[in-house]
């Protein structure tokens, strides 16, 4: 028998540290590459990304080689999609556009087997050789609810009363669009809504998450955010531009 993989992102947060997810166009090979750096999770995007379901299984395997959590964003709140993502390799599922209490309940229940949830029962690849698989899967799974609508911010106190959401992750860009400021997540109105949601989550003793970058990460950590996503391609872009400037500046 083999041990069911520990969800590193969950364990890091449970230990009182900040869980860090590497956001980017993470193919299986890129998940394998990212594992060496010590990220808690690698983000695999089935909402905006070009991944197919077969590729997800390999992304999950690549993450597991490094003890890293495969964090999968499905493209909508759909119990069948969440089930399939978990069976193929996700240890954490990001559910987009969780707006009201019913959305949150559906998301939480979709991630867990009965009686706590409604996840369909099958011996997926993550069950191979694992004793007591169903109990272990429920113990390690993370349901990450994306708060990315103005209505969700208005509903935040009611949402936080729902059990089974492991991380409330406030998404700046979609929140900006919902507030009428497409492409402007730094707009003052967006930042106020973002802060309101995060402060409410932290005050409720729950896990707040959001997308960060080098210029604002300390501010969010000071607010009590305990799960951050960082778009690593920005680091590549900055390094590439700097290198090319050095080379071309010699002419």
Protein backbone atom coordinates (compact mmCIF):
# COMPACT_ATOMS: atom_id res chain seq x y z
CA UNK A 1 0.00 0.00 0.00
CA UNK A 2 1.09 3.61 -0.46
CA UNK A 3 0.38 6.74 1.50
CA UNK A 4 -2.14 9.17 0.11
CA UNK A 5 -0.25 12.38 -0.80
CA UNK A 6 -0.33 15.13 1.80
CA UNK A 7 -1.86 18.36 0.53
CA UNK A 8 1.11 20.65 1.05
CA UNK A 9 -0.87 23.84 0.57
CA UNK A 10 -3.33 22.80 3.26
CA UNK A 11 -0.54 21.67 5.60
CA UNK A 12 1.41 24.92 5.19
CA UNK A 13 -1.63 27.03 6.03
CA UNK A 14 -2.59 24.76 8.94
CA UNK A 15 0.91 25.25 10.35
CA UNK A 16 0.31 29.00 10.51
CA UNK A 17 2.42 29.86 7.49
CA UNK A 18 1.43 31.45 4.18
CA UNK A 19 0.64 29.07 1.36
CA UNK A 20 2.09 30.13 -2.00
CA UNK A 21 0.63 29.08 -5.35
CA UNK A 22 2.63 29.52 -8.57
CA UNK A 23 0.19 31.01 -11.09
CA UNK A 24 0.92 30.73 -14.77
CA UNK A 25 0.37 28.65 -17.91
CA UNK A 26 1.40 25.56 -15.99
CA UNK A 27 1.66 22.51 -18.22
CA UNK A 28 2.79 19.21 -16.68
CA UNK A 29 6.40 19.99 -17.62
CA UNK A 30 6.17 23.44 -16.05
CA UNK A 31 4.67 21.95 -12.88
CA UNK A 32 7.69 19.66 -12.73
CA UNK A 33 10.03 22.63 -13.28
CA UNK A 34 8.32 24.75 -10.60
CA UNK A 35 8.47 22.00 -7.98
CA UNK A 36 12.19 22.52 -7.34
CA UNK A 37 11.65 26.03 -5.95
CA UNK A 38 9.46 25.12 -2.99
CA UNK A 39 6.06 26.46 -4.02
CA UNK A 40 3.22 24.92 -2.04
CA UNK A 41 1.03 24.62 -5.10
CA UNK A 42 0.99 24.96 -8.87
CA UNK A 43 -2.05 26.48 -10.55
CA UNK A 44 -3.63 24.62 -13.47
CA UNK A 45 -6.28 26.67 -15.24
CA UNK A 46 -9.24 24.91 -16.85
CA UNK A 47 -11.21 28.17 -17.01
CA UNK A 48 -9.02 30.35 -19.21
CA UNK A 49 -6.19 27.94 -19.98
CA UNK A 50 -5.86 25.56 -22.92
CA UNK A 51 -5.49 22.38 -20.90
CA UNK A 52 -7.44 19.23 -21.64
CA UNK A 53 -8.57 16.63 -19.14
CA UNK A 54 -5.91 14.10 -20.09
CA UNK A 55 -3.19 16.67 -19.43
CA UNK A 56 -4.55 17.26 -15.93
CA UNK A 57 -3.60 13.75 -14.85
CA UNK A 58 0.02 14.37 -15.84
CA UNK A 59 0.04 17.78 -14.14
CA UNK A 60 -1.11 16.09 -10.95
CA UNK A 61 1.62 13.47 -11.22
CA UNK A 62 4.26 16.15 -11.82
CA UNK A 63 3.14 18.04 -8.72
CA UNK A 64 3.16 14.89 -6.62
CA UNK A 65 6.78 14.18 -7.61
CA UNK A 66 7.74 17.30 -5.65
CA UNK A 67 5.18 17.01 -2.87
CA UNK A 68 3.43 20.05 -4.35
CA UNK A 69 -0.32 20.62 -4.47
CA UNK A 70 -2.06 20.61 -7.83
CA UNK A 71 -4.52 23.53 -7.64
CA UNK A 72 -7.08 23.33 -10.43
CA UNK A 73 -9.51 26.09 -11.41
CA UNK A 74 -12.60 24.67 -13.09
CA UNK A 75 -14.46 26.88 -15.53
CA UNK A 76 -17.72 27.04 -13.59
CA UNK A 77 -19.49 25.82 -10.49
CA UNK A 78 -20.35 22.35 -11.73
CA UNK A 79 -20.32 19.27 -9.52
CA UNK A 80 -19.36 17.03 -12.44
CA UNK A 81 -16.34 19.17 -13.35
CA UNK A 82 -15.18 19.36 -9.75
CA UNK A 83 -15.50 15.59 -9.40
CA UNK A 84 -13.49 14.99 -12.56
CA UNK A 85 -10.76 17.44 -11.57
CA UNK A 86 -10.35 15.75 -8.20
CA UNK A 87 -10.34 12.25 -9.67
CA UNK A 88 -7.67 13.15 -12.22
CA UNK A 89 -5.19 14.89 -9.97
CA UNK A 90 -6.37 18.05 -8.23
CA UNK A 91 -5.76 18.24 -4.51
CA UNK A 92 -7.38 21.68 -4.35
CA UNK A 93 -10.14 23.05 -6.55
CA UNK A 94 -10.75 26.73 -7.24
CA UNK A 95 -14.42 27.36 -7.95
CA UNK A 96 -15.12 30.60 -9.87
CA UNK A 97 -17.89 33.10 -9.20
CA UNK A 98 -19.11 31.93 -5.82
CA UNK A 99 -21.70 34.65 -5.26
CA UNK A 100 -24.25 33.49 -2.71
CA UNK A 101 -24.74 30.98 0.09
CA UNK A 102 -26.15 28.30 -2.20
CA UNK A 103 -23.11 28.59 -4.48
CA UNK A 104 -20.78 28.15 -1.52
CA UNK A 105 -22.68 25.13 -0.21
CA UNK A 106 -22.67 23.47 -3.63
CA UNK A 107 -18.93 24.05 -4.03
CA UNK A 108 -18.08 22.66 -0.60
CA UNK A 109 -20.27 19.59 -1.01
CA UNK A 110 -18.95 18.86 -4.51
CA UNK A 111 -15.44 18.45 -3.10
CA UNK A 112 -16.35 15.78 -0.52
CA UNK A 113 -17.77 12.30 -0.45
CA UNK A 114 -21.05 11.48 1.29
CA UNK A 115 -22.27 12.06 3.92
CA UNK A 116 -20.42 15.40 4.05
CA UNK A 117 -20.82 15.98 0.33
CA UNK A 118 -22.04 14.67 -3.00
CA UNK A 119 -18.80 13.71 -4.76
CA UNK A 120 -19.36 10.64 -6.91
CA UNK A 121 -17.57 7.50 -5.73
CA UNK A 122 -14.94 5.93 -7.98
CA UNK A 123 -11.47 4.49 -7.60
CA UNK A 124 -9.55 7.19 -9.46
CA UNK A 125 -5.82 7.14 -10.15
CA UNK A 126 -5.22 8.88 -6.79
CA UNK A 127 -6.80 5.89 -5.05
CA UNK A 128 -4.37 3.30 -6.43
CA UNK A 129 -2.78 1.38 -3.58
CA UNK A 130 -4.15 3.70 -0.90
CA UNK A 131 -5.73 2.21 2.19
CA UNK A 132 -8.80 4.11 3.44
CA UNK A 133 -8.76 6.28 0.33
CA UNK A 134 -12.14 7.99 0.74
CA UNK A 135 -11.44 9.20 4.27
CA UNK A 136 -7.95 10.40 3.31
CA UNK A 137 -9.23 12.20 0.21
CA UNK A 138 -11.81 14.10 2.26
CA UNK A 139 -9.21 14.97 4.90
CA UNK A 140 -6.75 16.42 2.37
CA UNK A 141 -8.99 18.15 -0.19
CA UNK A 142 -9.27 21.93 -0.32
CA UNK A 143 -12.25 23.82 -1.65
CA UNK A 144 -11.18 27.32 -2.69
CA UNK A 145 -14.07 29.70 -3.37
CA UNK A 146 -13.31 32.58 -5.71
CA UNK A 147 -14.85 35.87 -4.63
CA UNK A 148 -14.79 37.89 -7.83
CA UNK A 149 -18.16 39.63 -8.06
CA UNK A 150 -19.41 42.81 -6.42
CA UNK A 151 -22.47 40.88 -5.22
CA UNK A 152 -20.24 38.34 -3.50
CA UNK A 153 -18.52 41.11 -1.56
CA UNK A 154 -21.93 42.37 -0.46
CA UNK A 155 -22.79 38.83 0.63
CA UNK A 156 -19.47 38.13 2.32
CA UNK A 157 -20.74 37.84 5.90
CA UNK A 158 -23.42 35.34 4.91
CA UNK A 159 -20.95 33.41 2.78
CA UNK A 160 -18.53 33.07 5.66
CA UNK A 161 -21.14 31.17 7.66
CA UNK A 162 -21.00 28.29 5.15
CA UNK A 163 -18.97 25.30 6.30
CA UNK A 164 -16.57 23.44 4.06
CA UNK A 165 -14.85 26.31 2.24
CA UNK A 166 -11.14 26.06 3.03
CA UNK A 167 -9.94 29.28 1.39
CA UNK A 168 -11.89 32.38 0.39
CA UNK A 169 -9.82 33.73 -2.48
CA UNK A 170 -10.60 37.27 -3.63
CA UNK A 171 -9.73 37.76 -7.31
CA UNK A 172 -8.76 41.38 -8.11
CA UNK A 173 -9.17 41.45 -11.89
CA UNK A 174 -12.62 39.90 -12.09
CA UNK A 175 -13.74 41.98 -9.12
CA UNK A 176 -12.55 45.06 -11.01
CA UNK A 177 -14.62 44.05 -14.04
CA UNK A 178 -17.68 43.43 -11.88
CA UNK A 179 -17.33 46.91 -10.42
CA UNK A 180 -17.10 48.51 -13.87
CA UNK A 181 -13.32 48.95 -13.96
CA UNK A 182 -12.19 46.32 -16.46
CA UNK A 183 -8.41 46.00 -16.55
CA UNK A 184 -7.94 48.33 -13.57
CA UNK A 185 -7.58 46.21 -10.41
CA UNK A 186 -5.62 49.02 -8.76
CA UNK A 187 -8.60 51.41 -9.02
CA UNK A 188 -9.46 52.83 -5.60
CA UNK A 189 -13.00 51.41 -5.64
CA UNK A 190 -11.69 47.95 -6.45
CA UNK A 191 -9.06 48.13 -3.74
CA UNK A 192 -11.69 49.18 -1.20
CA UNK A 193 -13.90 46.22 -2.10
CA UNK A 194 -10.92 43.88 -2.06
CA UNK A 195 -9.88 45.11 1.38
CA UNK A 196 -13.42 44.87 2.70
CA UNK A 197 -13.73 41.24 1.64
CA UNK A 198 -10.30 40.23 2.92
CA UNK A 199 -10.75 41.99 6.25
CA UNK A 200 -14.10 40.28 6.77
CA UNK A 201 -12.61 36.87 6.03
CA UNK A 202 -9.70 37.41 8.40
CA UNK A 203 -11.96 38.80 11.13
CA UNK A 204 -14.11 35.65 10.86
CA UNK A 205 -11.05 33.52 11.56
CA UNK A 206 -11.09 31.99 8.11
CA UNK A 207 -8.39 31.70 5.45
CA UNK A 208 -8.17 34.65 3.09
CA UNK A 209 -6.39 34.39 -0.24
CA UNK A 210 -5.66 36.67 -3.16
CA UNK A 211 -3.38 37.24 -6.14
CA UNK A 212 -0.28 39.28 -5.33
CA UNK A 213 2.87 40.62 -6.95
CA UNK A 214 6.24 41.86 -5.74
CA UNK A 215 4.95 45.37 -5.16
CA UNK A 216 1.99 44.56 -2.91
CA UNK A 217 2.65 41.22 -1.23
CA UNK A 218 3.70 42.72 2.11
CA UNK A 219 0.53 44.81 2.30
CA UNK A 220 -1.67 41.76 1.92
CA UNK A 221 0.38 39.69 4.33
CA UNK A 222 0.04 42.48 6.88
CA UNK A 223 -3.74 42.28 6.41
CA UNK A 224 -3.66 38.63 7.44
CA UNK A 225 -3.88 36.95 4.01
CA UNK A 226 -2.67 33.36 4.38
CA UNK A 227 -2.84 32.06 0.81
CA UNK A 228 -1.30 33.94 -2.10
CA UNK A 229 -1.05 33.30 -5.79
CA UNK A 230 1.89 34.84 -7.64
CA UNK A 231 2.06 35.11 -11.46
CA UNK A 232 5.60 33.85 -12.04
CA UNK A 233 5.64 34.78 -15.78
CA UNK A 234 6.03 38.41 -14.64
CA UNK A 235 9.44 37.49 -13.23
CA UNK A 236 10.46 35.92 -16.53
CA UNK A 237 9.27 38.99 -18.44
CA UNK A 238 11.20 41.35 -16.17
CA UNK A 239 14.36 39.27 -16.46
CA UNK A 240 14.05 38.95 -20.23
CA UNK A 241 13.55 42.69 -20.74
CA UNK A 242 16.50 43.52 -18.49
CA UNK A 243 18.77 41.08 -20.29
CA UNK A 244 17.82 42.35 -23.74
CA UNK A 245 18.34 45.95 -22.64
CA UNK A 246 21.86 45.06 -21.45
CA UNK A 247 22.71 43.31 -24.73
CA UNK A 248 21.19 45.87 -27.07
CA UNK A 249 22.46 48.80 -25.05
CA UNK A 250 26.02 47.96 -26.09
CA UNK A 251 25.42 48.97 -29.70
